[in-house]
Amino acid sequence: MRSELSWGRGTSGQVISVLGTVLFTGLAGVVFFELRRRSGSVPAPAGLHGAVNGLGVLAAAVWAWGSR
């Protein structure tokens, strides 16, 4: 059972993965909303979103390179 949860195998692992994704996305929405509210501009949260996406692409590339 423990390996199911840690690797996302089985129904329980999939449910935990989906819930984690939903919670993380909701938290990101709160952060972007607060940045928009405090800065008063749309480019600030849009720039943060782009930077975070860029870091995700970089992390995936490093991981793929290391798993060769």
C-alpha atoms as a PDB file:
ATOM      1  CA  MET A   1       0.000   0.000   0.000  1.00  0.00           C
ATOM      2  CA  ARG A   2       2.806   2.429   0.803  1.00  0.00           C
ATOM      3  CA  SER A   3       4.330   2.105  -2.671  1.00  0.00           C
ATOM      4  CA  GLU A   4       0.890   2.750  -4.203  1.00  0.00           C
ATOM      5  CA  LEU A   5       0.660   6.101  -2.465  1.00  0.00           C
ATOM      6  CA  SER A   6       4.197   7.229  -3.171  1.00  0.00           C
ATOM      7  CA  TRP A   7       4.194   6.272  -6.860  1.00  0.00           C
ATOM      8  CA  GLY A   8       0.579   7.101  -7.743  1.00  0.00           C
ATOM      9  CA  ARG A   9      -0.385   3.515  -8.531  1.00  0.00           C
ATOM     10  CA  GLY A  10      -3.832   2.267  -7.759  1.00  0.00           C
ATOM     11  CA  THR A  11      -6.988   4.194  -7.068  1.00  0.00           C
ATOM     12  CA  SER A  12      -5.819   5.699  -3.780  1.00  0.00           C
ATOM     13  CA  GLY A  13      -2.609   7.025  -5.331  1.00  0.00           C
ATOM     14  CA  GLN A  14      -4.549   8.586  -8.195  1.00  0.00           C
ATOM     15  CA  VAL A  15      -7.014  10.240  -5.818  1.00  0.00           C
ATOM     16  CA  ILE A  16      -4.161  11.683  -3.755  1.00  0.00           C
ATOM     17  CA  SER A  17      -2.460  12.952  -6.938  1.00  0.00           C
ATOM     18  CA  VAL A  18      -5.644  14.667  -8.142  1.00  0.00           C
ATOM     19  CA  LEU A  19      -6.347  16.220  -4.751  1.00  0.00           C
ATOM     20  CA  GLY A  20      -2.772  17.480  -4.499  1.00  0.00           C
ATOM     21  CA  THR A  21      -3.010  19.012  -7.965  1.00  0.00           C
ATOM     22  CA  VAL A  22      -6.314  20.723  -7.169  1.00  0.00           C
ATOM     23  CA  LEU A  23      -5.016  22.100  -3.869  1.00  0.00           C
ATOM     24  CA  PHE A  24      -1.766  23.343  -5.415  1.00  0.00           C
ATOM     25  CA  THR A  25      -3.645  25.009  -8.292  1.00  0.00           C
ATOM     26  CA  GLY A  26      -6.018  26.680  -5.845  1.00  0.00           C
ATOM     27  CA  LEU A  27      -3.104  27.964  -3.772  1.00  0.00           C
ATOM     28  CA  ALA A  28      -1.431  29.331  -6.907  1.00  0.00           C
ATOM     29  CA  GLY A  29      -4.673  31.112  -7.798  1.00  0.00           C
ATOM     30  CA  VAL A  30      -4.749  32.766  -4.375  1.00  0.00           C
ATOM     31  CA  VAL A  31      -1.117  33.897  -4.760  1.00  0.00           C
ATOM     32  CA  PHE A  32      -1.735  35.287  -8.261  1.00  0.00           C
ATOM     33  CA  PHE A  33      -4.925  37.036  -7.110  1.00  0.00           C
ATOM     34  CA  GLU A  34      -3.155  38.617  -4.151  1.00  0.00           C
ATOM     35  CA  LEU A  35      -0.278  39.769  -6.349  1.00  0.00           C
ATOM     36  CA  ARG A  36      -2.800  41.282  -8.783  1.00  0.00           C
ATOM     37  CA  ARG A  37      -4.654  43.003  -5.930  1.00  0.00           C
ATOM     38  CA  ARG A  38      -1.519  44.420  -4.319  1.00  0.00           C
ATOM     39  CA  SER A  39       0.231  45.502  -7.508  1.00  0.00           C
ATOM     40  CA  GLY A  40      -2.873  46.727  -9.300  1.00  0.00           C
ATOM     41  CA  SER A  41      -1.629  45.325 -12.599  1.00  0.00           C
ATOM     42  CA  VAL A  42      -2.077  42.192 -14.649  1.00  0.00           C
ATOM     43  CA  PRO A  43       1.535  41.903 -15.918  1.00  0.00           C
ATOM     44  CA  ALA A  44       2.893  41.176 -12.421  1.00  0.00           C
ATOM     45  CA  PRO A  45       1.033  37.872 -11.886  1.00  0.00           C
ATOM     46  CA  ALA A  46       1.411  37.022 -15.581  1.00  0.00           C
ATOM     47  CA  GLY A  47       5.183  37.464 -15.292  1.00  0.00           C
ATOM     48  CA  LEU A  48       5.277  35.319 -12.164  1.00  0.00           C
ATOM     49  CA  HIS A  49       3.252  32.647 -13.941  1.00  0.00           C
ATOM     50  CA  GLY A  50       5.686  32.669 -16.870  1.00  0.00           C
ATOM     51  CA  ALA A  51       8.690  32.477 -14.564  1.00  0.00           C
ATOM     52  CA  VAL A  52       7.253  29.532 -12.641  1.00  0.00           C
ATOM     53  CA  ASN A  53       6.417  27.737 -15.899  1.00  0.00           C
ATOM     54  CA  GLY A  54       9.953  28.359 -17.127  1.00  0.00           C
ATOM     55  CA  LEU A  55      11.373  26.842 -13.962  1.00  0.00           C
ATOM     56  CA  GLY A  56       9.135  23.820 -14.474  1.00  0.00           C
ATOM     57  CA  VAL A  57      10.467  23.354 -18.004  1.00  0.00           C
ATOM     58  CA  LEU A  58      14.039  23.720 -16.759  1.00  0.00           C
ATOM     59  CA  ALA A  59      13.470  21.201 -13.955  1.00  0.00           C
ATOM     60  CA  ALA A  60      11.944  18.706 -16.411  1.00  0.00           C
ATOM     61  CA  ALA A  61      14.901  19.126 -18.780  1.00  0.00           C
ATOM     62  CA  VAL A  62      17.417  18.582 -15.962  1.00  0.00           C
ATOM     63  CA  TRP A  63      15.501  15.523 -14.760  1.00  0.00           C
ATOM     64  CA  ALA A  64      15.311  14.089 -18.287  1.00  0.00           C
ATOM     65  CA  TRP A  65      19.010  14.736 -18.840  1.00  0.00           C
ATOM     66  CA  GLY A  66      19.896  13.014 -15.566  1.00  0.00           C
ATOM     67  CA  SER A  67      17.788   9.931 -16.261  1.00  0.00           C
ATOM     68  CA  ARG A  68      19.665   9.063 -19.471  1.00  0.00           C
END
